[in-house]
mmCIF file of all heavy atoms, coordinates in Angstrom:
data_MODEL
# 
_entry.id   MODEL 
# 
loop_
_atom_site.group_PDB 
_atom_site.id 
_atom_site.type_symbol 
_atom_site.label_atom_id 
_atom_site.label_alt_id 
_atom_site.label_comp_id 
_atom_site.label_asym_id 
_atom_site.label_entity_id 
_atom_site.label_seq_id 
_atom_site.pdbx_PDB_ins_code 
_atom_site.Cartn_x 
_atom_site.Cartn_y 
_atom_site.Cartn_z 
_atom_site.occupancy 
_atom_site.B_iso_or_equiv 
_atom_site.pdbx_formal_charge 
_atom_site.auth_seq_id 
_atom_site.auth_comp_id 
_atom_site.auth_asym_id 
_atom_site.auth_atom_id 
_atom_site.pdbx_PDB_model_num 
ATOM 1   N N   . ALA A 1 1  ? 11.855 -4.319  -0.854  1.00 0.00 ? 1  ALA A N   1 
ATOM 2   C CA  . ALA A 1 1  ? 13.244 -4.716  -0.754  1.00 0.00 ? 1  ALA A CA  1 
ATOM 3   C C   . ALA A 1 1  ? 13.697 -5.451  -2.007  1.00 0.00 ? 1  ALA A C   1 
ATOM 4   O O   . ALA A 1 1  ? 12.877 -5.875  -2.829  1.00 0.00 ? 1  ALA A O   1 
ATOM 5   C CB  . ALA A 1 1  ? 13.450 -5.607  0.472   1.00 0.00 ? 1  ALA A CB  1 
ATOM 6   N N   . SER A 1 2  ? 14.999 -5.617  -2.154  1.00 0.00 ? 2  SER A N   1 
ATOM 7   C CA  . SER A 1 2  ? 15.532 -6.306  -3.325  1.00 0.00 ? 2  SER A CA  1 
ATOM 8   C C   . SER A 1 2  ? 15.068 -7.750  -3.402  1.00 0.00 ? 2  SER A C   1 
ATOM 9   O O   . SER A 1 2  ? 14.984 -8.317  -4.496  1.00 0.00 ? 2  SER A O   1 
ATOM 10  C CB  . SER A 1 2  ? 17.060 -6.233  -3.350  1.00 0.00 ? 2  SER A CB  1 
ATOM 11  O OG  . SER A 1 2  ? 17.620 -6.658  -2.127  1.00 0.00 ? 2  SER A OG  1 
ATOM 12  N N   . ILE A 1 3  ? 14.760 -8.366  -2.253  1.00 0.00 ? 3  ILE A N   1 
ATOM 13  C CA  . ILE A 1 3  ? 14.247 -9.727  -2.243  1.00 0.00 ? 3  ILE A CA  1 
ATOM 14  C C   . ILE A 1 3  ? 12.748 -9.784  -2.482  1.00 0.00 ? 3  ILE A C   1 
ATOM 15  O O   . ILE A 1 3  ? 12.176 -10.874 -2.573  1.00 0.00 ? 3  ILE A O   1 
ATOM 16  C CB  . ILE A 1 3  ? 14.581 -10.447 -0.928  1.00 0.00 ? 3  ILE A CB  1 
ATOM 17  C CG1 . ILE A 1 3  ? 13.953 -9.725  0.260   1.00 0.00 ? 3  ILE A CG1 1 
ATOM 18  C CG2 . ILE A 1 3  ? 16.086 -10.587 -0.763  1.00 0.00 ? 3  ILE A CG2 1 
ATOM 19  C CD1 . ILE A 1 3  ? 14.074 -10.475 1.566   1.00 0.00 ? 3  ILE A CD1 1 
ATOM 20  N N   . GLY A 1 4  ? 12.077 -8.617  -2.566  1.00 0.00 ? 4  GLY A N   1 
ATOM 21  C CA  . GLY A 1 4  ? 10.667 -8.581  -2.891  1.00 0.00 ? 4  GLY A CA  1 
ATOM 22  C C   . GLY A 1 4  ? 9.717  -8.318  -1.747  1.00 0.00 ? 4  GLY A C   1 
ATOM 23  O O   . GLY A 1 4  ? 8.513  -8.162  -1.979  1.00 0.00 ? 4  GLY A O   1 
ATOM 24  N N   . ARG A 1 5  ? 10.206 -8.277  -0.534  1.00 0.00 ? 5  ARG A N   1 
ATOM 25  C CA  . ARG A 1 5  ? 9.353  -7.988  0.615   1.00 0.00 ? 5  ARG A CA  1 
ATOM 26  C C   . ARG A 1 5  ? 8.808  -6.569  0.522   1.00 0.00 ? 5  ARG A C   1 
ATOM 27  O O   . ARG A 1 5  ? 9.537  -5.632  0.203   1.00 0.00 ? 5  ARG A O   1 
ATOM 28  C CB  . ARG A 1 5  ? 10.141 -8.173  1.909   1.00 0.00 ? 5  ARG A CB  1 
ATOM 29  C CG  . ARG A 1 5  ? 9.311  -8.016  3.168   1.00 0.00 ? 5  ARG A CG  1 
ATOM 30  C CD  . ARG A 1 5  ? 10.140 -8.323  4.403   1.00 0.00 ? 5  ARG A CD  1 
ATOM 31  N NE  . ARG A 1 5  ? 11.246 -7.391  4.552   1.00 0.00 ? 5  ARG A NE  1 
ATOM 32  C CZ  . ARG A 1 5  ? 12.526 -7.711  4.432   1.00 0.00 ? 5  ARG A CZ  1 
ATOM 33  N NH1 . ARG A 1 5  ? 12.867 -8.966  4.159   1.00 0.00 ? 5  ARG A NH1 1 
ATOM 34  N NH2 . ARG A 1 5  ? 13.462 -6.801  4.585   1.00 0.00 ? 5  ARG A NH2 1 
ATOM 35  N N   . THR A 1 6  ? 7.510  -6.397  0.806   1.00 0.00 ? 6  THR A N   1 
ATOM 36  C CA  . THR A 1 6  ? 6.857  -5.099  0.675   1.00 0.00 ? 6  THR A CA  1 
ATOM 37  C C   . THR A 1 6  ? 6.200  -4.665  1.973   1.00 0.00 ? 6  THR A C   1 
ATOM 38  O O   . THR A 1 6  ? 5.888  -5.489  2.837   1.00 0.00 ? 6  THR A O   1 
ATOM 39  C CB  . THR A 1 6  ? 5.778  -5.120  -0.420  1.00 0.00 ? 6  THR A CB  1 
ATOM 40  O OG1 . THR A 1 6  ? 4.776  -6.092  -0.077  1.00 0.00 ? 6  THR A OG1 1 
ATOM 41  C CG2 . THR A 1 6  ? 6.377  -5.477  -1.772  1.00 0.00 ? 6  THR A CG2 1 
ATOM 42  N N   . ASN A 1 7  ? 5.992  -3.355  2.105   1.00 0.00 ? 7  ASN A N   1 
ATOM 43  C CA  . ASN A 1 7  ? 5.154  -2.828  3.154   1.00 0.00 ? 7  ASN A CA  1 
ATOM 44  C C   . ASN A 1 7  ? 4.477  -1.564  2.649   1.00 0.00 ? 7  ASN A C   1 
ATOM 45  O O   . ASN A 1 7  ? 5.004  -0.875  1.775   1.00 0.00 ? 7  ASN A O   1 
ATOM 46  C CB  . ASN A 1 7  ? 5.922  -2.584  4.459   1.00 0.00 ? 7  ASN A CB  1 
ATOM 47  C CG  . ASN A 1 7  ? 6.933  -1.464  4.355   1.00 0.00 ? 7  ASN A CG  1 
ATOM 48  O OD1 . ASN A 1 7  ? 8.037  -1.656  3.843   1.00 0.00 ? 7  ASN A OD1 1 
ATOM 49  N ND2 . ASN A 1 7  ? 6.561  -0.280  4.842   1.00 0.00 ? 7  ASN A ND2 1 
ATOM 50  N N   . TYR A 1 8  ? 3.291  -1.269  3.214   1.00 0.00 ? 8  TYR A N   1 
ATOM 51  C CA  . TYR A 1 8  ? 2.463  -0.168  2.752   1.00 0.00 ? 8  TYR A CA  1 
ATOM 52  C C   . TYR A 1 8  ? 1.947  0.647   3.917   1.00 0.00 ? 8  TYR A C   1 
ATOM 53  O O   . TYR A 1 8  ? 1.722  0.121   5.012   1.00 0.00 ? 8  TYR A O   1 
ATOM 54  C CB  . TYR A 1 8  ? 1.255  -0.688  1.977   1.00 0.00 ? 8  TYR A CB  1 
ATOM 55  C CG  . TYR A 1 8  ? 1.577  -1.430  0.714   1.00 0.00 ? 8  TYR A CG  1 
ATOM 56  C CD1 . TYR A 1 8  ? 1.779  -2.808  0.733   1.00 0.00 ? 8  TYR A CD1 1 
ATOM 57  C CD2 . TYR A 1 8  ? 1.671  -0.767  -0.500  1.00 0.00 ? 8  TYR A CD2 1 
ATOM 58  C CE1 . TYR A 1 8  ? 2.074  -3.501  -0.431  1.00 0.00 ? 8  TYR A CE1 1 
ATOM 59  C CE2 . TYR A 1 8  ? 1.962  -1.453  -1.666  1.00 0.00 ? 8  TYR A CE2 1 
ATOM 60  C CZ  . TYR A 1 8  ? 2.163  -2.814  -1.626  1.00 0.00 ? 8  TYR A CZ  1 
ATOM 61  O OH  . TYR A 1 8  ? 2.453  -3.495  -2.787  1.00 0.00 ? 8  TYR A OH  1 
ATOM 62  N N   . ALA A 1 9  ? 1.743  1.930   3.666   1.00 0.00 ? 9  ALA A N   1 
ATOM 63  C CA  . ALA A 1 9  ? 1.015  2.747   4.616   1.00 0.00 ? 9  ALA A CA  1 
ATOM 64  C C   . ALA A 1 9  ? -0.425 2.264   4.695   1.00 0.00 ? 9  ALA A C   1 
ATOM 65  O O   . ALA A 1 9  ? -1.001 1.823   3.699   1.00 0.00 ? 9  ALA A O   1 
ATOM 66  C CB  . ALA A 1 9  ? 1.054  4.216   4.199   1.00 0.00 ? 9  ALA A CB  1 
ATOM 67  N N   . ASP A 1 10 ? -1.008 2.335   5.879   1.00 0.00 ? 10 ASP A N   1 
ATOM 68  C CA  . ASP A 1 10 ? -2.386 1.882   6.049   1.00 0.00 ? 10 ASP A CA  1 
ATOM 69  C C   . ASP A 1 10 ? -3.353 2.606   5.117   1.00 0.00 ? 10 ASP A C   1 
ATOM 70  O O   . ASP A 1 10 ? -4.339 2.024   4.657   1.00 0.00 ? 10 ASP A O   1 
ATOM 71  C CB  . ASP A 1 10 ? -2.834 2.072   7.496   1.00 0.00 ? 10 ASP A CB  1 
ATOM 72  C CG  . ASP A 1 10 ? -2.179 1.099   8.453   1.00 0.00 ? 10 ASP A CG  1 
ATOM 73  O OD1 . ASP A 1 10 ? -1.680 0.050   7.994   1.00 0.00 ? 10 ASP A OD1 1 
ATOM 74  O OD2 . ASP A 1 10 ? -2.163 1.384   9.664   1.00 0.00 ? 10 ASP A OD2 1 
ATOM 75  N N   . SER A 1 11 ? -3.082 3.860   4.818   1.00 0.00 ? 11 SER A N   1 
ATOM 76  C CA  . SER A 1 11 ? -3.981 4.665   4.008   1.00 0.00 ? 11 SER A CA  1 
ATOM 77  C C   . SER A 1 11 ? -4.062 4.204   2.555   1.00 0.00 ? 11 SER A C   1 
ATOM 78  O O   . SER A 1 11 ? -5.016 4.553   1.858   1.00 0.00 ? 11 SER A O   1 
ATOM 79  C CB  . SER A 1 11 ? -3.567 6.140   4.058   1.00 0.00 ? 11 SER A CB  1 
ATOM 80  O OG  . SER A 1 11 ? -2.241 6.301   3.601   1.00 0.00 ? 11 SER A OG  1 
ATOM 81  N N   . VAL A 1 12 ? -3.074 3.441   2.087   1.00 0.00 ? 12 VAL A N   1 
ATOM 82  C CA  . VAL A 1 12 ? -3.064 3.007   0.688   1.00 0.00 ? 12 VAL A CA  1 
ATOM 83  C C   . VAL A 1 12 ? -3.152 1.496   0.540   1.00 0.00 ? 12 VAL A C   1 
ATOM 84  O O   . VAL A 1 12 ? -3.275 0.995   -0.586  1.00 0.00 ? 12 VAL A O   1 
ATOM 85  C CB  . VAL A 1 12 ? -1.811 3.512   -0.054  1.00 0.00 ? 12 VAL A CB  1 
ATOM 86  C CG1 . VAL A 1 12 ? -1.670 5.017   0.104   1.00 0.00 ? 12 VAL A CG1 1 
ATOM 87  C CG2 . VAL A 1 12 ? -0.558 2.797   0.432   1.00 0.00 ? 12 VAL A CG2 1 
ATOM 88  N N   . LYS A 1 13 ? -3.108 0.776   1.629   1.00 0.00 ? 13 LYS A N   1 
ATOM 89  C CA  . LYS A 1 13 ? -3.136 -0.686  1.583   1.00 0.00 ? 13 LYS A CA  1 
ATOM 90  C C   . LYS A 1 13 ? -4.407 -1.178  0.897   1.00 0.00 ? 13 LYS A C   1 
ATOM 91  O O   . LYS A 1 13 ? -5.508 -0.733  1.210   1.00 0.00 ? 13 LYS A O   1 
ATOM 92  C CB  . LYS A 1 13 ? -3.032 -1.251  2.997   1.00 0.00 ? 13 LYS A CB  1 
ATOM 93  C CG  . LYS A 1 13 ? -2.692 -2.725  3.058   1.00 0.00 ? 13 LYS A CG  1 
ATOM 94  C CD  . LYS A 1 13 ? -2.377 -3.151  4.496   1.00 0.00 ? 13 LYS A CD  1 
ATOM 95  C CE  . LYS A 1 13 ? -1.137 -2.437  5.023   1.00 0.00 ? 13 LYS A CE  1 
ATOM 96  N NZ  . LYS A 1 13 ? -0.789 -2.863  6.406   1.00 0.00 ? 13 LYS A NZ  1 
ATOM 97  N N   . GLY A 1 14 ? -4.238 -2.082  -0.055  1.00 0.00 ? 14 GLY A N   1 
ATOM 98  C CA  . GLY A 1 14 ? -5.360 -2.602  -0.816  1.00 0.00 ? 14 GLY A CA  1 
ATOM 99  C C   . GLY A 1 14 ? -5.669 -1.818  -2.071  1.00 0.00 ? 14 GLY A C   1 
ATOM 100 O O   . GLY A 1 14 ? -6.415 -2.309  -2.929  1.00 0.00 ? 14 GLY A O   1 
ATOM 101 N N   . ARG A 1 15 ? -5.125 -0.609  -2.193  1.00 0.00 ? 15 ARG A N   1 
ATOM 102 C CA  . ARG A 1 15 ? -5.357 0.227   -3.372  1.00 0.00 ? 15 ARG A CA  1 
ATOM 103 C C   . ARG A 1 15 ? -4.097 0.409   -4.216  1.00 0.00 ? 15 ARG A C   1 
ATOM 104 O O   . ARG A 1 15 ? -4.180 0.498   -5.440  1.00 0.00 ? 15 ARG A O   1 
ATOM 105 C CB  . ARG A 1 15 ? -5.881 1.606   -2.963  1.00 0.00 ? 15 ARG A CB  1 
ATOM 106 C CG  . ARG A 1 15 ? -7.194 1.562   -2.207  1.00 0.00 ? 15 ARG A CG  1 
ATOM 107 C CD  . ARG A 1 15 ? -7.751 2.974   -1.996  1.00 0.00 ? 15 ARG A CD  1 
ATOM 108 N NE  . ARG A 1 15 ? -6.862 3.787   -1.163  1.00 0.00 ? 15 ARG A NE  1 
ATOM 109 C CZ  . ARG A 1 15 ? -6.288 4.925   -1.554  1.00 0.00 ? 15 ARG A CZ  1 
ATOM 110 N NH1 . ARG A 1 15 ? -6.522 5.402   -2.772  1.00 0.00 ? 15 ARG A NH1 1 
ATOM 111 N NH2 . ARG A 1 15 ? -5.518 5.605   -0.724  1.00 0.00 ? 15 ARG A NH2 1 
ATOM 112 N N   . PHE A 1 16 ? -2.948 0.489   -3.559  1.00 0.00 ? 16 PHE A N   1 
ATOM 113 C CA  . PHE A 1 16 ? -1.676 0.707   -4.244  1.00 0.00 ? 16 PHE A CA  1 
ATOM 114 C C   . PHE A 1 16 ? -0.861 -0.576  -4.245  1.00 0.00 ? 16 PHE A C   1 
ATOM 115 O O   . PHE A 1 16 ? -0.923 -1.371  -3.298  1.00 0.00 ? 16 PHE A O   1 
ATOM 116 C CB  . PHE A 1 16 ? -0.858 1.796   -3.547  1.00 0.00 ? 16 PHE A CB  1 
ATOM 117 C CG  . PHE A 1 16 ? -1.414 3.192   -3.666  1.00 0.00 ? 16 PHE A CG  1 
ATOM 118 C CD1 . PHE A 1 16 ? -2.680 3.436   -4.164  1.00 0.00 ? 16 PHE A CD1 1 
ATOM 119 C CD2 . PHE A 1 16 ? -0.637 4.265   -3.262  1.00 0.00 ? 16 PHE A CD2 1 
ATOM 120 C CE1 . PHE A 1 16 ? -3.177 4.728   -4.258  1.00 0.00 ? 16 PHE A CE1 1 
ATOM 121 C CE2 . PHE A 1 16 ? -1.121 5.564   -3.352  1.00 0.00 ? 16 PHE A CE2 1 
ATOM 122 C CZ  . PHE A 1 16 ? -2.386 5.793   -3.849  1.00 0.00 ? 16 PHE A CZ  1 
ATOM 123 N N   . THR A 1 17 ? -0.062 -0.762  -5.284  1.00 0.00 ? 17 THR A N   1 
ATOM 124 C CA  . THR A 1 17 ? 0.839  -1.895  -5.378  1.00 0.00 ? 17 THR A CA  1 
ATOM 125 C C   . THR A 1 17 ? 2.214  -1.423  -5.823  1.00 0.00 ? 17 THR A C   1 
ATOM 126 O O   . THR A 1 17 ? 2.342  -0.772  -6.861  1.00 0.00 ? 17 THR A O   1 
ATOM 127 C CB  . THR A 1 17 ? 0.324  -2.952  -6.367  1.00 0.00 ? 17 THR A CB  1 
ATOM 128 O OG1 . THR A 1 17 ? -0.973 -3.404  -5.966  1.00 0.00 ? 17 THR A OG1 1 
ATOM 129 C CG2 . THR A 1 17 ? 1.271  -4.151  -6.395  1.00 0.00 ? 17 THR A CG2 1 
ATOM 130 N N   . ILE A 1 18 ? 3.231  -1.746  -5.041  1.00 0.00 ? 18 ILE A N   1 
ATOM 131 C CA  . ILE A 1 18 ? 4.601  -1.430  -5.413  1.00 0.00 ? 18 ILE A CA  1 
ATOM 132 C C   . ILE A 1 18 ? 5.245  -2.674  -6.012  1.00 0.00 ? 18 ILE A C   1 
ATOM 133 O O   . ILE A 1 18 ? 5.009  -3.795  -5.553  1.00 0.00 ? 18 ILE A O   1 
ATOM 134 C CB  . ILE A 1 18 ? 5.404  -0.908  -4.201  1.00 0.00 ? 18 ILE A CB  1 
ATOM 135 C CG1 . ILE A 1 18 ? 6.773  -0.380  -4.648  1.00 0.00 ? 18 ILE A CG1 1 
ATOM 136 C CG2 . ILE A 1 18 ? 5.546  -1.974  -3.126  1.00 0.00 ? 18 ILE A CG2 1 
ATOM 137 C CD1 . ILE A 1 18 ? 7.525  0.357   -3.549  1.00 0.00 ? 18 ILE A CD1 1 
ATOM 138 N N   . SER A 1 19 ? 6.036  -2.476  -7.044  1.00 0.00 ? 19 SER A N   1 
ATOM 139 C CA  . SER A 1 19 ? 6.751  -3.575  -7.673  1.00 0.00 ? 19 SER A CA  1 
ATOM 140 C C   . SER A 1 19 ? 8.076  -3.064  -8.204  1.00 0.00 ? 19 SER A C   1 
ATOM 141 O O   . SER A 1 19 ? 8.299  -1.848  -8.292  1.00 0.00 ? 19 SER A O   1 
ATOM 142 C CB  . SER A 1 19 ? 5.919  -4.201  -8.801  1.00 0.00 ? 19 SER A CB  1 
ATOM 143 O OG  . SER A 1 19 ? 5.655  -3.254  -9.822  1.00 0.00 ? 19 SER A OG  1 
ATOM 144 N N   . ARG A 1 20 ? 8.968  -3.981  -8.555  1.00 0.00 ? 20 ARG A N   1 
ATOM 145 C CA  . ARG A 1 20 ? 10.262 -3.574  -9.080  1.00 0.00 ? 20 ARG A CA  1 
ATOM 146 C C   . ARG A 1 20 ? 10.733 -4.538  -10.150 1.00 0.00 ? 20 ARG A C   1 
ATOM 147 O O   . ARG A 1 20 ? 10.380 -5.718  -10.152 1.00 0.00 ? 20 ARG A O   1 
ATOM 148 C CB  . ARG A 1 20 ? 11.307 -3.462  -7.958  1.00 0.00 ? 20 ARG A CB  1 
ATOM 149 C CG  . ARG A 1 20 ? 11.575 -4.753  -7.198  1.00 0.00 ? 20 ARG A CG  1 
ATOM 150 C CD  . ARG A 1 20 ? 12.485 -4.484  -5.996  1.00 0.00 ? 20 ARG A CD  1 
ATOM 151 N NE  . ARG A 1 20 ? 13.838 -4.140  -6.410  1.00 0.00 ? 20 ARG A NE  1 
ATOM 152 C CZ  . ARG A 1 20 ? 14.750 -3.563  -5.626  1.00 0.00 ? 20 ARG A CZ  1 
ATOM 153 N NH1 . ARG A 1 20 ? 14.434 -3.239  -4.377  1.00 0.00 ? 20 ARG A NH1 1 
ATOM 154 N NH2 . ARG A 1 20 ? 15.965 -3.298  -6.095  1.00 0.00 ? 20 ARG A NH2 1 
ATOM 155 N N   . ASP A 1 21 ? 11.527 -4.016  -11.060 1.00 0.00 ? 21 ASP A N   1 
ATOM 156 C CA  . ASP A 1 21 ? 12.166 -4.789  -12.110 1.00 0.00 ? 21 ASP A CA  1 
ATOM 157 C C   . ASP A 1 21 ? 13.662 -4.595  -11.916 1.00 0.00 ? 21 ASP A C   1 
ATOM 158 O O   . ASP A 1 21 ? 14.214 -3.558  -12.284 1.00 0.00 ? 21 ASP A O   1 
ATOM 159 C CB  . ASP A 1 21 ? 11.713 -4.311  -13.487 1.00 0.00 ? 21 ASP A CB  1 
ATOM 160 C CG  . ASP A 1 21 ? 12.259 -5.163  -14.616 1.00 0.00 ? 21 ASP A CG  1 
ATOM 161 O OD1 . ASP A 1 21 ? 13.310 -5.805  -14.449 1.00 0.00 ? 21 ASP A OD1 1 
ATOM 162 O OD2 . ASP A 1 21 ? 11.629 -5.184  -15.687 1.00 0.00 ? 21 ASP A OD2 1 
ATOM 163 N N   . ASN A 1 22 ? 14.313 -5.580  -11.330 1.00 0.00 ? 22 ASN A N   1 
ATOM 164 C CA  . ASN A 1 22 ? 15.726 -5.439  -11.007 1.00 0.00 ? 22 ASN A CA  1 
ATOM 165 C C   . ASN A 1 22 ? 16.610 -5.340  -12.248 1.00 0.00 ? 22 ASN A C   1 
ATOM 166 O O   . ASN A 1 22 ? 17.646 -4.677  -12.217 1.00 0.00 ? 22 ASN A O   1 
ATOM 167 C CB  . ASN A 1 22 ? 16.180 -6.610  -10.131 1.00 0.00 ? 22 ASN A CB  1 
ATOM 168 C CG  . ASN A 1 22 ? 15.584 -6.553  -8.742  1.00 0.00 ? 22 ASN A CG  1 
ATOM 169 O OD1 . ASN A 1 22 ? 15.236 -5.483  -8.246  1.00 0.00 ? 22 ASN A OD1 1 
ATOM 170 N ND2 . ASN A 1 22 ? 15.470 -7.706  -8.098  1.00 0.00 ? 22 ASN A ND2 1 
ATOM 171 N N   . ALA A 1 23 ? 16.202 -5.994  -13.337 1.00 0.00 ? 23 ALA A N   1 
ATOM 172 C CA  . ALA A 1 23 ? 16.975 -5.918  -14.572 1.00 0.00 ? 23 ALA A CA  1 
ATOM 173 C C   . ALA A 1 23 ? 16.986 -4.505  -15.134 1.00 0.00 ? 23 ALA A C   1 
ATOM 174 O O   . ALA A 1 23 ? 17.954 -4.090  -15.781 1.00 0.00 ? 23 ALA A O   1 
ATOM 175 C CB  . ALA A 1 23 ? 16.422 -6.895  -15.605 1.00 0.00 ? 23 ALA A CB  1 
ATOM 176 N N   . LYS A 1 24 ? 15.909 -3.754  -14.901 1.00 0.00 ? 24 LYS A N   1 
ATOM 177 C CA  . LYS A 1 24 ? 15.793 -2.382  -15.384 1.00 0.00 ? 24 LYS A CA  1 
ATOM 178 C C   . LYS A 1 24 ? 16.105 -1.346  -14.312 1.00 0.00 ? 24 LYS A C   1 
ATOM 179 O O   . LYS A 1 24 ? 16.065 -0.148  -14.589 1.00 0.00 ? 24 LYS A O   1 
ATOM 180 C CB  . LYS A 1 24 ? 14.392 -2.124  -15.930 1.00 0.00 ? 24 LYS A CB  1 
ATOM 181 C CG  . LYS A 1 24 ? 14.017 -2.964  -17.130 1.00 0.00 ? 24 LYS A CG  1 
ATOM 182 C CD  . LYS A 1 24 ? 12.603 -2.639  -17.588 1.00 0.00 ? 24 LYS A CD  1 
ATOM 183 C CE  . LYS A 1 24 ? 12.220 -3.454  -18.808 1.00 0.00 ? 24 LYS A CE  1 
ATOM 184 N NZ  . LYS A 1 24 ? 10.822 -3.166  -19.246 1.00 0.00 ? 24 LYS A NZ  1 
ATOM 185 N N   . ASN A 1 25 ? 16.396 -1.803  -13.100 1.00 0.00 ? 25 ASN A N   1 
ATOM 186 C CA  . ASN A 1 25 ? 16.623 -0.896  -11.972 1.00 0.00 ? 25 ASN A CA  1 
ATOM 187 C C   . ASN A 1 25 ? 15.495 0.119   -11.845 1.00 0.00 ? 25 ASN A C   1 
ATOM 188 O O   . ASN A 1 25 ? 15.722 1.324   -11.681 1.00 0.00 ? 25 ASN A O   1 
ATOM 189 C CB  . ASN A 1 25 ? 17.971 -0.185  -12.111 1.00 0.00 ? 25 ASN A CB  1 
ATOM 190 C CG  . ASN A 1 25 ? 19.145 -1.120  -11.918 1.00 0.00 ? 25 ASN A CG  1 
ATOM 191 O OD1 . ASN A 1 25 ? 19.125 -1.988  -11.051 1.00 0.00 ? 25 ASN A OD1 1 
ATOM 192 N ND2 . ASN A 1 25 ? 20.187 -0.936  -12.716 1.00 0.00 ? 25 ASN A ND2 1 
# 
């Protein structure tokens, strides 16, 4: 989310990381 809250599928949890740069969209 725009506030930074994340969620992951169980199959990728611990291996994948999602992140965002709001200044760069």
